[in-house]
């Protein structure tokens, strides 16, 4: 490359080219702008995109400033044109290198200027912050000084007020103490005078009070005897009335219970006709007074049926207020079905026995149910296969009242004897006998287990009923005892009221003297020496009252 440049320079020295002026042709949208801070330097800007840069944008071309390039002589040889192009290329490269070097220097200078400017700004900010902190410290010191002066002034005023208040309080206490002493002296004098006068008057009225007390006692005794007699008569009459009412209530209660028991026995013991046609699905048949009313089928794909007042949300609707919204439910567990009372208000009964809430019982064909004590009787039926026969004798259901064949527990199907086969081997007959014996044993075990389960449930229900009856009897006895206690309290209150009334009647009216036997001693008459009580010893005190210090006494009511 250096040899080409030397060759071009030597050619230009021998055949110099005419000087031509060139200018930059910028791409579309770019502008060349002179710097304001550094005159003579330029930068390139694109106003549409807000872009600025020092280097010329890509696509910049150097073109002659006028049309001299186009008017050059056509006689220039190709060699000269080639040399001129090489020289122009070398000049462009040198210019480009200088331009880049200049841009680097300009960028370094600009960066140094920015650093210096940032340092000056930081220094100015630090100085301003120090001045602000100093000003704040001075302001805080001034405010603290003013606060301390204000607090000292307030403390001084408070101490002065407290001193004045203490002085005023001491003066008021001195005045109050002096007034209390004077009042105590006056009360002591008055009390002593009243004590002396009361002692004389008390000795004077002893006989009159004694006679009046004797008269009142005799009158009170007579009144008490009359009152007791009247109370005894009233108590006897009241007791007779209570006994009569109790007997009437007991008779009515016994009659009501007898009617209810008779009605229940009539409902439970009503004659239920046998099924004419066997059912293919488990169901409930409803009877009233021996007449068939309707049938509720428990079939389909469901495994749970709700019995309630309904009509929404239940499968068997019984429209009666004694039936709860959800009274009971029927569920299936394999081949067995169970009925569970859902905590209904009036309960559910099976074969005259009330079922416990939330305690499922197994449904047996022929079992009778009553929901809420209604007169309708629900009889449970199970499908029966006509060809099956029981493998063991039927077991009678242990329930009170009429029992039917449907009450017997479900038994497994009988084991049919194998048909006679011609020339059967001996080993096959023994296997058939063993299988038959095993099936019979299984059936007997299932029957015994089911019977034991039914008997155990029946015993549990009887024990629960006995406990409920005992609890009801105890509750009734407790209520009777509480009623007797209330009657006794009322009787005692009436007696006390009558005694108070008699005492008020026996007490003489104010200002009226009771009739006394003998002559009463007038207040002004002197009492005999035997009636005079020995005056109490005078307690020593600091009040030396003279005969002239008693003054005028206030009358005292000693009654």
Protein backbone atom coordinates (compact mmCIF):
# COMPACT_ATOMS: atom_id res chain seq x y z
CA UNK A 1 0.00 0.00 0.00
CA UNK A 2 2.87 2.40 0.81
CA UNK A 3 4.45 1.72 -2.63
CA UNK A 4 1.22 2.68 -4.38
CA UNK A 5 1.03 5.88 -2.37
CA UNK A 6 4.67 6.73 -3.25
CA UNK A 7 4.06 6.03 -6.90
CA UNK A 8 0.99 8.25 -6.92
CA UNK A 9 2.80 11.06 -5.16
CA UNK A 10 5.70 10.87 -7.62
CA UNK A 11 3.27 10.99 -10.54
CA UNK A 12 1.49 13.99 -9.09
CA UNK A 13 4.79 15.78 -8.65
CA UNK A 14 5.63 15.25 -12.30
CA UNK A 15 2.11 15.91 -13.58
CA UNK A 16 0.27 17.97 -10.97
CA UNK A 17 -3.57 17.91 -11.16
CA UNK A 18 -5.58 21.05 -11.12
CA UNK A 19 -6.96 21.96 -7.64
CA UNK A 20 -10.62 21.21 -7.19
CA UNK A 21 -13.00 21.95 -4.25
CA UNK A 22 -14.98 19.02 -2.82
CA UNK A 23 -18.08 18.95 -0.55
CA UNK A 24 -19.89 16.16 1.39
CA UNK A 25 -23.11 14.76 -0.02
CA UNK A 26 -25.12 13.49 3.08
CA UNK A 27 -27.79 10.80 2.97
CA UNK A 28 -31.44 11.81 3.00
CA UNK A 29 -32.57 13.45 6.31
CA UNK A 30 -29.06 14.19 7.72
CA UNK A 31 -27.72 17.73 8.30
CA UNK A 32 -24.26 19.13 9.04
CA UNK A 33 -24.42 21.67 11.92
CA UNK A 34 -21.66 23.89 13.37
CA UNK A 35 -21.01 23.51 17.16
CA UNK A 36 -21.98 26.46 19.38
CA UNK A 37 -19.33 25.84 22.03
CA UNK A 38 -16.52 25.22 19.57
CA UNK A 39 -16.81 27.30 16.42
CA UNK A 40 -15.18 25.73 13.36
CA UNK A 41 -16.22 22.18 14.39
CA UNK A 42 -19.26 20.41 13.03
CA UNK A 43 -21.55 17.48 13.98
CA UNK A 44 -24.26 15.58 12.12
CA UNK A 45 -27.92 15.45 13.13
CA UNK A 46 -31.05 13.61 11.95
CA UNK A 47 -34.10 15.70 13.09
CA UNK A 48 -36.65 12.98 12.26
CA UNK A 49 -35.07 10.45 14.69
CA UNK A 50 -33.40 12.95 17.10
CA UNK A 51 -30.00 11.33 16.48
CA UNK A 52 -26.67 13.25 16.70
CA UNK A 53 -23.10 12.07 16.06
CA UNK A 54 -19.65 13.49 15.35
CA UNK A 55 -18.71 11.09 12.55
CA UNK A 56 -20.31 11.43 9.09
CA UNK A 57 -23.21 9.01 8.62
CA UNK A 58 -22.80 5.97 6.39
CA UNK A 59 -23.47 6.73 2.74
CA UNK A 60 -21.70 10.15 2.79
CA UNK A 61 -19.97 10.99 -0.55
CA UNK A 62 -17.34 13.58 -1.55
CA UNK A 63 -18.45 15.49 -4.65
CA UNK A 64 -16.89 18.52 -6.36
CA UNK A 65 -18.17 21.86 -5.22
CA UNK A 66 -18.79 22.96 -8.85
CA UNK A 67 -18.99 21.35 -12.30
CA UNK A 68 -15.23 21.43 -13.02
CA UNK A 69 -14.89 17.70 -12.57
CA UNK A 70 -17.30 17.14 -15.41
CA UNK A 71 -15.45 19.55 -17.74
CA UNK A 72 -12.01 17.89 -17.52
CA UNK A 73 -10.31 17.08 -20.69
CA UNK A 74 -11.30 13.88 -22.39
CA UNK A 75 -7.76 13.59 -23.62
CA UNK A 76 -6.55 12.56 -20.11
CA UNK A 77 -5.15 9.17 -20.38
CA UNK A 78 -6.34 6.22 -18.48
CA UNK A 79 -3.06 6.06 -16.60
CA UNK A 80 -3.45 9.61 -15.28
CA UNK A 81 -7.03 8.94 -14.24
CA UNK A 82 -5.95 5.83 -12.42
CA UNK A 83 -3.17 7.72 -10.65
CA UNK A 84 -5.59 10.47 -9.76
CA UNK A 85 -8.03 7.91 -8.30
CA UNK A 86 -5.25 6.30 -6.26
CA UNK A 87 -4.10 9.67 -4.96
CA UNK A 88 -7.68 10.65 -4.15
CA UNK A 89 -8.19 7.37 -2.28
CA UNK A 90 -5.01 7.90 -0.27
CA UNK A 91 -6.04 11.46 0.53
CA UNK A 92 -9.48 10.27 1.64
CA UNK A 93 -7.95 7.70 3.96
CA UNK A 94 -5.59 10.25 5.46
CA UNK A 95 -8.47 12.66 5.94
CA UNK A 96 -10.54 9.94 7.52
CA UNK A 97 -7.73 9.07 9.93
CA UNK A 98 -7.29 12.71 10.92
CA UNK A 99 -11.05 13.10 11.33
CA UNK A 100 -11.24 10.07 13.64
CA UNK A 101 -8.27 11.29 15.64
CA UNK A 102 -9.93 14.66 15.98
CA UNK A 103 -13.22 13.08 17.05
CA UNK A 104 -11.44 11.06 19.73
CA UNK A 105 -9.75 14.20 21.02
CA UNK A 106 -13.06 16.09 20.98
CA UNK A 107 -14.79 13.28 22.85
CA UNK A 108 -12.00 13.20 25.46
CA UNK A 109 -12.21 16.98 25.89
CA UNK A 110 -16.01 16.80 26.18
CA UNK A 111 -15.73 14.02 28.77
CA UNK A 112 -13.17 16.03 30.75
CA UNK A 113 -15.45 19.05 30.65
CA UNK A 114 -18.36 16.92 31.89
CA UNK A 115 -16.23 15.50 34.72
CA UNK A 116 -15.13 18.98 35.75
CA UNK A 117 -18.69 20.24 35.58
CA UNK A 118 -19.88 17.28 37.77
CA UNK A 119 -17.10 18.00 40.28
CA UNK A 120 -18.08 21.67 40.44
CA UNK A 121 -21.75 20.70 40.91
CA UNK A 122 -20.93 18.18 43.67
CA UNK A 123 -18.72 20.73 45.43
CA UNK A 124 -21.44 23.37 45.24
CA UNK A 125 -24.06 20.89 46.52
CA UNK A 126 -21.81 19.83 49.42
CA UNK A 127 -21.20 23.45 50.36
CA UNK A 128 -24.92 24.23 50.17
CA UNK A 129 -25.68 21.18 52.36
CA UNK A 130 -23.10 22.23 54.94
CA UNK A 131 -24.58 25.73 55.03
CA UNK A 132 -28.10 24.27 55.39
CA UNK A 133 -26.98 21.96 58.23
CA UNK A 134 -25.27 24.86 59.97
CA UNK A 135 -28.38 27.00 59.62
CA UNK A 136 -30.58 24.18 60.97
CA UNK A 137 -28.23 23.62 63.92
CA UNK A 138 -28.34 27.33 64.76
CA UNK A 139 -32.15 27.32 64.44
CA UNK A 140 -32.43 24.21 66.66
CA UNK A 141 -30.14 25.78 69.28
CA UNK A 142 -32.24 28.92 69.25
CA UNK A 143 -35.49 26.96 69.59
CA UNK A 144 -34.02 24.80 72.40
CA UNK A 145 -32.95 27.92 74.25
CA UNK A 146 -36.39 29.48 73.86
CA UNK A 147 -38.03 26.20 75.01
CA UNK A 148 -35.85 26.01 78.12
CA UNK A 149 -36.58 29.65 78.95
CA UNK A 150 -40.31 29.05 78.47
CA UNK A 151 -40.23 25.89 80.63
CA UNK A 152 -38.28 27.70 83.36
CA UNK A 153 -40.86 30.49 83.33
CA UNK A 154 -43.77 28.01 83.48
CA UNK A 155 -42.07 26.05 86.31
CA UNK A 156 -41.58 29.25 88.27
CA UNK A 157 -45.23 30.22 87.80
CA UNK A 158 -46.33 26.70 88.81
CA UNK A 159 -44.26 26.75 91.99
CA UNK A 160 -45.66 30.17 92.85
CA UNK A 161 -49.25 28.93 92.31
CA UNK A 162 -48.61 25.81 94.40
CA UNK A 163 -47.21 27.90 97.23
CA UNK A 164 -50.25 30.19 97.15
CA UNK A 165 -52.61 27.18 96.99
CA UNK A 166 -50.83 25.49 99.93
CA UNK A 167 -51.05 28.65 102.00
CA UNK A 168 -54.75 29.07 101.22
CA UNK A 169 -55.39 25.37 101.99
CA UNK A 170 -53.62 25.62 105.34
CA UNK A 171 -55.72 28.67 106.25
CA UNK A 172 -58.95 26.82 105.30
CA UNK A 173 -57.90 23.75 107.31
CA UNK A 174 -57.18 25.91 110.37
CA UNK A 175 -60.61 27.52 110.10
CA UNK A 176 -62.29 24.12 109.62
CA UNK A 177 -60.43 22.63 112.61
CA UNK A 178 -61.53 25.54 114.82
CA UNK A 179 -65.13 25.16 113.64
CA UNK A 180 -65.04 21.39 114.31
CA UNK A 181 -63.76 21.96 117.84
CA UNK A 182 -66.58 24.40 118.59
CA UNK A 183 -69.20 22.00 117.15
CA UNK A 184 -67.75 19.09 119.19
CA UNK A 185 -67.94 21.11 122.38
CA UNK A 186 -71.56 22.07 121.65
CA UNK A 187 -72.51 18.47 120.86
CA UNK A 188 -70.84 17.21 124.02
CA UNK A 189 -72.77 19.70 126.17
CA UNK A 190 -76.07 18.83 124.48
CA UNK A 191 -75.43 15.08 124.80
CA UNK A 192 -74.68 15.34 128.52
CA UNK A 193 -77.83 17.35 129.15
CA UNK A 194 -79.99 14.86 127.20
CA UNK A 195 -78.39 11.93 129.05
CA UNK A 196 -79.28 13.38 132.44
CA UNK A 197 -82.84 14.19 131.42
CA UNK A 198 -83.33 10.77 129.77
CA UNK A 199 -82.13 8.96 132.91
CA UNK A 200 -84.70 10.74 135.03
CA UNK A 201 -87.49 10.24 132.49
CA UNK A 202 -86.61 6.55 131.99
CA UNK A 203 -86.85 5.87 135.72
CA UNK A 204 -90.16 7.71 135.81
CA UNK A 205 -91.77 5.61 133.02
CA UNK A 206 -90.56 2.11 133.99
CA UNK A 207 -93.81 1.10 135.69
CA UNK A 208 -96.03 2.35 132.88
CA UNK A 209 -93.98 0.51 130.24
CA UNK A 210 -93.99 -2.68 132.29
CA UNK A 211 -97.76 -2.64 132.68
CA UNK A 212 -98.27 -1.83 128.99
CA UNK A 213 -95.91 -4.62 127.97
CA UNK A 214 -97.83 -7.17 130.05
CA UNK A 215 -101.09 -6.10 128.45
CA UNK A 216 -99.62 -6.31 124.95
CA UNK A 217 -98.23 -9.78 125.63
CA UNK A 218 -101.62 -11.09 126.78
CA UNK A 219 -103.33 -9.57 123.73
CA UNK A 220 -100.66 -10.95 121.37
CA UNK A 221 -100.99 -14.45 122.84
CA UNK A 222 -104.74 -14.41 122.33
CA UNK A 223 -104.34 -13.09 118.78
CA UNK A 224 -101.69 -15.73 118.03
CA UNK A 225 -104.00 -18.53 119.20
CA UNK A 226 -106.83 -17.23 117.00
CA UNK A 227 -104.46 -16.85 114.03
CA UNK A 228 -103.07 -20.37 114.39
CA UNK A 229 -106.53 -21.82 114.55
CA UNK A 230 -107.60 -19.91 111.41
CA UNK A 231 -104.43 -20.95 109.57
CA UNK A 232 -104.96 -24.61 110.47
CA UNK A 233 -108.50 -24.47 109.13
CA UNK A 234 -107.34 -22.79 105.90
CA UNK A 235 -104.51 -25.30 105.47
CA UNK A 236 -106.91 -28.22 105.91
CA UNK A 237 -109.33 -26.75 103.36
CA UNK A 238 -106.50 -26.06 100.89
CA UNK A 239 -105.05 -29.56 101.33
CA UNK A 240 -108.47 -31.10 100.73
CA UNK A 241 -108.88 -29.00 97.57
CA UNK A 242 -105.38 -29.97 96.33
CA UNK A 243 -106.08 -33.65 96.97
CA UNK A 244 -109.36 -33.38 95.11
CA UNK A 245 -107.70 -31.61 92.14
CA UNK A 246 -104.83 -34.13 92.15
CA UNK A 247 -107.25 -37.05 92.11
CA UNK A 248 -109.18 -35.45 89.25
CA UNK A 249 -105.98 -34.85 87.28
CA UNK A 250 -104.77 -38.39 87.92
CA UNK A 251 -108.11 -39.80 86.77
CA UNK A 252 -108.07 -37.67 83.62
CA UNK A 253 -104.43 -38.63 82.92
CA UNK A 254 -105.20 -42.33 83.43
CA UNK A 255 -108.24 -42.07 81.16
CA UNK A 256 -106.21 -40.27 78.49
CA UNK A 257 -103.43 -42.87 78.70
CA UNK A 258 -105.97 -45.69 78.51
CA UNK A 259 -107.55 -44.15 75.41
CA UNK A 260 -104.14 -43.63 73.81
CA UNK A 261 -103.06 -47.19 74.64
CA UNK A 262 -106.34 -48.55 73.28
CA UNK A 263 -105.92 -46.53 70.07
CA UNK A 264 -102.27 -47.66 69.71
CA UNK A 265 -103.26 -51.31 70.26
CA UNK A 266 -106.02 -50.96 67.69
CA UNK A 267 -103.59 -49.49 65.15
CA UNK A 268 -100.82 -52.01 65.79
CA UNK A 269 -103.14 -55.05 65.99
CA UNK A 270 -105.23 -54.24 62.92
CA UNK A 271 -105.53 -57.16 60.58
CA UNK A 272 -103.19 -56.85 57.62
CA UNK A 273 -104.28 -58.91 54.60
CA UNK A 274 -101.73 -61.22 53.08
CA UNK A 275 -100.09 -60.35 49.79
CA UNK A 276 -102.10 -61.57 46.87
CA UNK A 277 -99.27 -61.29 44.38
CA UNK A 278 -95.59 -61.48 45.32
CA UNK A 279 -93.70 -58.22 44.85
CA UNK A 280 -90.69 -57.99 42.60
CA UNK A 281 -89.16 -55.02 44.43
CA UNK A 282 -88.90 -54.06 48.11
CA UNK A 283 -91.73 -51.72 49.12
CA UNK A 284 -93.80 -50.24 51.95
CA UNK A 285 -97.55 -51.00 52.00
CA UNK A 286 -99.65 -48.43 53.87
CA UNK A 287 -102.76 -49.62 55.80
CA UNK A 288 -105.39 -47.79 57.85
CA UNK A 289 -108.11 -49.64 59.77
CA UNK A 290 -107.24 -52.80 57.83
CA UNK A 291 -107.62 -51.13 54.42
CA UNK A 292 -104.79 -50.85 51.93
CA UNK A 293 -104.18 -47.19 51.04
CA UNK A 294 -101.05 -47.09 48.85
CA UNK A 295 -97.68 -48.68 48.17
CA UNK A 296 -94.24 -46.99 48.16
CA UNK A 297 -91.80 -48.91 45.96
CA UNK A 298 -88.11 -48.89 46.97
CA UNK A 299 -86.59 -49.75 43.62
CA UNK A 300 -84.50 -48.36 40.83
CA UNK A 301 -80.82 -47.45 40.91
CA UNK A 302 -81.11 -45.51 44.18
CA UNK A 303 -79.49 -46.70 47.41
CA UNK A 304 -81.09 -44.11 49.75
CA UNK A 305 -84.70 -42.95 50.25
CA UNK A 306 -85.80 -40.05 52.49
CA UNK A 307 -89.13 -40.11 54.36
CA UNK A 308 -90.42 -36.68 55.41
CA UNK A 309 -93.11 -34.03 55.28
CA UNK A 310 -91.83 -32.82 51.92
CA UNK A 311 -92.90 -32.41 49.25
CA UNK A 312 -89.44 -31.22 48.08
CA UNK A 313 -86.27 -33.13 48.93
CA UNK A 314 -87.98 -36.39 50.00
CA UNK A 315 -88.77 -39.66 48.25
CA UNK A 316 -91.74 -40.72 50.41
CA UNK A 317 -93.83 -37.66 51.30
CA UNK A 318 -96.20 -37.78 54.30
CA UNK A 319 -98.08 -34.49 54.51
CA UNK A 320 -98.71 -34.22 58.25
CA UNK A 321 -97.38 -31.67 60.80
CA UNK A 322 -96.31 -34.53 63.13
CA UNK A 323 -93.79 -35.60 60.48
CA UNK A 324 -90.45 -33.78 60.36
CA UNK A 325 -89.10 -32.31 57.12
CA UNK A 326 -86.60 -35.17 56.97
CA UNK A 327 -88.06 -37.78 59.31
CA UNK A 328 -86.19 -41.00 58.46
CA UNK A 329 -84.08 -42.57 55.75
CA UNK A 330 -83.78 -46.02 54.18
CA UNK A 331 -80.38 -47.20 53.00
CA UNK A 332 -79.10 -50.34 51.36
CA UNK A 333 -75.96 -52.22 52.34
CA UNK A 334 -75.47 -55.06 49.93
CA UNK A 335 -78.54 -57.30 49.97
CA UNK A 336 -79.80 -55.81 53.29
CA UNK A 337 -81.85 -52.66 53.87
CA UNK A 338 -81.83 -50.50 57.01
CA UNK A 339 -84.13 -47.77 58.37
CA UNK A 340 -82.65 -44.90 60.39
CA UNK A 341 -84.59 -42.22 62.30
CA UNK A 342 -82.96 -38.82 61.55
CA UNK A 343 -83.70 -37.33 65.00
CA UNK A 344 -87.35 -36.53 64.24
CA UNK A 345 -89.55 -34.66 66.74
CA UNK A 346 -92.20 -37.35 67.29
CA UNK A 347 -89.99 -40.36 66.55
CA UNK A 348 -90.47 -43.66 64.69
CA UNK A 349 -91.75 -47.00 66.05
CA UNK A 350 -91.19 -50.54 64.74
CA UNK A 351 -93.40 -53.40 65.98
CA UNK A 352 -94.64 -51.29 68.98
CA UNK A 353 -91.06 -50.35 69.98
CA UNK A 354 -89.76 -46.81 69.60
CA UNK A 355 -86.52 -46.59 67.61
CA UNK A 356 -83.53 -44.65 68.80
CA UNK A 357 -82.49 -41.65 66.72
CA UNK A 358 -79.47 -42.18 64.46
CA UNK A 359 -79.51 -45.95 65.16
CA UNK A 360 -80.20 -47.93 61.95
CA UNK A 361 -82.30 -51.12 62.23
CA UNK A 362 -82.46 -53.90 59.69
CA UNK A 363 -85.68 -54.17 57.68
CA UNK A 364 -87.31 -57.58 57.84
CA UNK A 365 -90.21 -58.49 55.62
CA UNK A 366 -93.48 -58.08 57.50
CA UNK A 367 -92.08 -55.50 59.95
CA UNK A 368 -94.61 -52.80 60.91
CA UNK A 369 -93.72 -49.11 61.28
CA UNK A 370 -95.43 -45.94 62.49
CA UNK A 371 -93.99 -42.51 61.75
CA UNK A 372 -94.75 -39.65 64.18
CA UNK A 373 -97.58 -41.59 65.91
CA UNK A 374 -99.88 -41.34 62.88
CA UNK A 375 -102.75 -43.84 62.53
CA UNK A 376 -101.29 -45.18 59.27
CA UNK A 377 -99.35 -48.46 59.49
CA UNK A 378 -96.43 -49.08 57.13
CA UNK A 379 -95.62 -52.76 56.40
CA UNK A 380 -92.29 -53.62 54.79
CA UNK A 381 -92.36 -56.25 51.99
CA UNK A 382 -89.42 -57.93 50.28
CA UNK A 383 -89.46 -59.74 46.96
CA UNK A 384 -89.91 -63.51 47.35
CA UNK A 385 -88.90 -66.06 44.75
CA UNK A 386 -91.67 -68.60 44.29
CA UNK A 387 -89.38 -71.61 43.67
CA UNK A 388 -87.27 -71.10 46.80
CA UNK A 389 -88.10 -72.90 50.00
CA UNK A 390 -86.61 -72.25 53.43
CA UNK A 391 -83.61 -74.43 54.31
CA UNK A 392 -84.62 -74.50 57.98
CA UNK A 393 -87.90 -74.20 59.90
CA UNK A 394 -89.28 -70.62 59.99
CA UNK A 395 -88.33 -68.60 63.07
CA UNK A 396 -91.13 -66.62 64.68
CA UNK A 397 -90.32 -62.94 65.28
CA UNK A 398 -90.28 -62.08 68.99
CA UNK A 399 -92.50 -59.01 68.96
CA UNK A 400 -95.57 -58.13 70.93
CA UNK A 401 -98.86 -58.18 69.08
CA UNK A 402 -99.88 -60.21 66.06
CA UNK A 403 -97.03 -61.83 64.13
CA UNK A 404 -97.15 -63.14 60.58
CA UNK A 405 -95.04 -65.39 58.42
CA UNK A 406 -93.44 -62.31 56.85
CA UNK A 407 -91.78 -61.49 60.20
CA UNK A 408 -89.46 -64.48 59.90
CA UNK A 409 -85.84 -63.65 59.00
CA UNK A 410 -84.60 -64.13 55.47
CA UNK A 411 -82.99 -67.55 55.01
CA UNK A 412 -80.66 -68.77 52.27
CA UNK A 413 -82.20 -70.77 49.44
CA UNK A 414 -82.44 -74.54 49.96
CA UNK A 415 -79.84 -76.84 48.51
CA UNK A 416 -81.65 -78.90 45.89
CA UNK A 417 -80.73 -82.52 45.52
CA UNK A 418 -78.77 -83.34 42.42
CA UNK A 419 -80.76 -85.17 39.72
CA UNK A 420 -80.20 -88.82 39.39
CA UNK A 421 -77.34 -89.46 37.05
CA UNK A 422 -76.74 -92.82 35.47
CA UNK A 423 -73.75 -94.65 36.80
CA UNK A 424 -72.29 -91.74 38.90
CA UNK A 425 -68.96 -92.60 40.48
CA UNK A 426 -68.79 -93.01 44.25
CA UNK A 427 -66.46 -90.01 44.81
CA UNK A 428 -69.00 -87.58 43.25
CA UNK A 429 -71.76 -88.64 45.69
CA UNK A 430 -69.51 -88.04 48.71
CA UNK A 431 -68.53 -84.57 47.44
CA UNK A 432 -72.20 -83.66 46.92
CA UNK A 433 -73.05 -84.81 50.45
CA UNK A 434 -70.22 -82.77 51.93
CA UNK A 435 -71.27 -79.68 49.96
CA UNK A 436 -74.88 -80.10 51.12
CA UNK A 437 -73.82 -80.47 54.76
CA UNK A 438 -71.57 -77.41 54.52
CA UNK A 439 -74.35 -75.29 52.95
CA UNK A 440 -76.78 -76.39 55.66
CA UNK A 441 -74.27 -75.52 58.41
CA UNK A 442 -73.70 -72.09 56.90
CA UNK A 443 -77.45 -71.49 56.68
CA UNK A 444 -77.97 -72.57 60.30
CA UNK A 445 -75.15 -70.31 61.48
CA UNK A 446 -76.60 -67.35 59.60
CA UNK A 447 -80.07 -68.02 61.07
CA UNK A 448 -78.70 -68.22 64.61
CA UNK A 449 -76.64 -65.05 64.18
CA UNK A 450 -79.63 -63.13 62.82
CA UNK A 451 -81.91 -64.34 65.64
CA UNK A 452 -79.31 -63.38 68.26
CA UNK A 453 -78.91 -59.96 66.69
CA UNK A 454 -82.67 -59.34 66.72
CA UNK A 455 -82.95 -60.48 70.35
CA UNK A 456 -80.00 -58.31 71.42
CA UNK A 457 -81.50 -55.22 69.75
CA UNK A 458 -84.85 -55.92 71.39
CA UNK A 459 -83.20 -56.24 74.83
CA UNK A 460 -81.29 -52.99 74.30
CA UNK A 461 -84.49 -51.17 73.36
CA UNK A 462 -86.30 -52.58 76.41
CA UNK A 463 -83.44 -51.50 78.69
CA UNK A 464 -83.49 -48.01 77.15
CA UNK A 465 -87.27 -47.77 77.66
CA UNK A 466 -86.92 -48.90 81.28
CA UNK A 467 -84.23 -46.27 81.85
CA UNK A 468 -86.44 -43.59 80.27
CA UNK A 469 -89.37 -44.62 82.46
CA UNK A 470 -87.20 -44.53 85.58
CA UNK A 471 -85.86 -41.13 84.58
CA UNK A 472 -89.40 -39.84 83.95
CA UNK A 473 -90.54 -41.19 87.35
CA UNK A 474 -87.59 -39.53 89.08
CA UNK A 475 -88.32 -36.28 87.28
CA UNK A 476 -91.98 -36.46 88.29
CA UNK A 477 -91.01 -37.15 91.92
CA UNK A 478 -88.61 -34.19 91.86
CA UNK A 479 -91.35 -31.91 90.47
CA UNK A 480 -93.76 -33.12 93.19
CA UNK A 481 -91.16 -32.43 95.90
CA UNK A 482 -90.45 -28.95 94.51
CA UNK A 483 -94.19 -28.25 94.40
CA UNK A 484 -94.53 -29.27 98.07
CA UNK A 485 -91.61 -27.00 98.99
CA UNK A 486 -93.20 -24.09 97.14
CA UNK A 487 -96.51 -24.72 98.93
CA UNK A 488 -94.72 -24.82 102.29
CA UNK A 489 -92.92 -21.55 101.52
CA UNK A 490 -96.18 -19.89 100.50
CA UNK A 491 -97.85 -21.18 103.67
CA UNK A 492 -94.97 -19.87 105.83
CA UNK A 493 -95.09 -16.50 104.04
CA UNK A 494 -98.84 -16.24 104.66
CA UNK A 495 -98.36 -17.14 108.32
CA UNK A 496 -95.65 -14.50 108.72
CA UNK A 497 -97.87 -11.93 107.01
CA UNK A 498 -100.78 -12.80 109.29
CA UNK A 499 -98.49 -12.55 112.35
CA UNK A 500 -97.31 -9.09 111.29
CA UNK A 501 -100.90 -8.03 110.74
CA UNK A 502 -101.88 -9.32 114.18
CA UNK A 503 -98.91 -7.52 115.77
CA UNK A 504 -99.90 -4.26 114.08
CA UNK A 505 -103.48 -4.74 115.27
CA UNK A 506 -102.31 -5.45 118.84
CA UNK A 507 -99.99 -2.39 118.92
CA UNK A 508 -101.80 0.65 120.39
CA UNK A 509 -102.20 3.72 118.26
CA UNK A 510 -99.75 6.59 118.72
CA UNK A 511 -100.86 8.90 121.51
CA UNK A 512 -103.40 6.37 122.89
CA UNK A 513 -102.50 4.69 126.16
CA UNK A 514 -103.60 1.04 126.58
CA UNK A 515 -106.10 0.16 129.22
CA UNK A 516 -104.11 -0.87 132.27
CA UNK A 517 -105.20 -2.36 135.53
CA UNK A 518 -104.45 -0.14 138.47
CA UNK A 519 -103.62 3.50 138.58
CA UNK A 520 -100.82 4.94 136.47
CA UNK A 521 -98.29 7.17 138.08
CA UNK A 522 -98.49 10.72 136.70
CA UNK A 523 -95.30 12.00 135.11
CA UNK A 524 -94.89 14.81 137.66
CA UNK A 525 -95.33 12.54 140.71
CA UNK A 526 -92.16 11.42 142.48
CA UNK A 527 -91.27 7.76 142.13
CA UNK A 528 -90.79 5.48 145.15
CA UNK A 529 -87.29 4.64 146.23
CA UNK A 530 -87.69 0.99 145.13
CA UNK A 531 -88.34 2.07 141.55
CA UNK A 532 -85.39 4.41 141.32
CA UNK A 533 -82.42 2.95 139.49
CA UNK A 534 -78.94 3.63 140.63
CA UNK A 535 -77.54 6.37 138.38
CA UNK A 536 -74.50 5.30 136.42
CA UNK A 537 -71.13 6.56 137.47
CA UNK A 538 -70.22 9.69 135.62
CA UNK A 539 -67.31 9.25 133.27
CA UNK A 540 -64.56 11.77 133.77
CA UNK A 541 -64.31 14.28 131.00
CA UNK A 542 -62.84 17.64 130.35
CA UNK A 543 -66.29 19.27 130.16
CA UNK A 544 -66.94 20.61 133.66
CA UNK A 545 -70.59 21.45 133.26
CA UNK A 546 -72.13 23.39 136.09
CA UNK A 547 -75.73 23.51 137.15
CA UNK A 548 -76.32 26.59 135.11
CA UNK A 549 -74.86 25.17 131.87
CA UNK A 550 -77.69 22.72 131.04
CA UNK A 551 -79.88 25.26 129.33
CA UNK A 552 -83.12 24.49 127.58
CA UNK A 553 -83.49 20.77 126.64
CA UNK A 554 -85.22 19.46 123.51
CA UNK A 555 -87.94 16.84 123.97
CA UNK A 556 -86.83 13.26 123.23
CA UNK A 557 -89.16 10.50 121.99
CA UNK A 558 -88.10 7.32 123.84
CA UNK A 559 -90.87 5.15 122.40
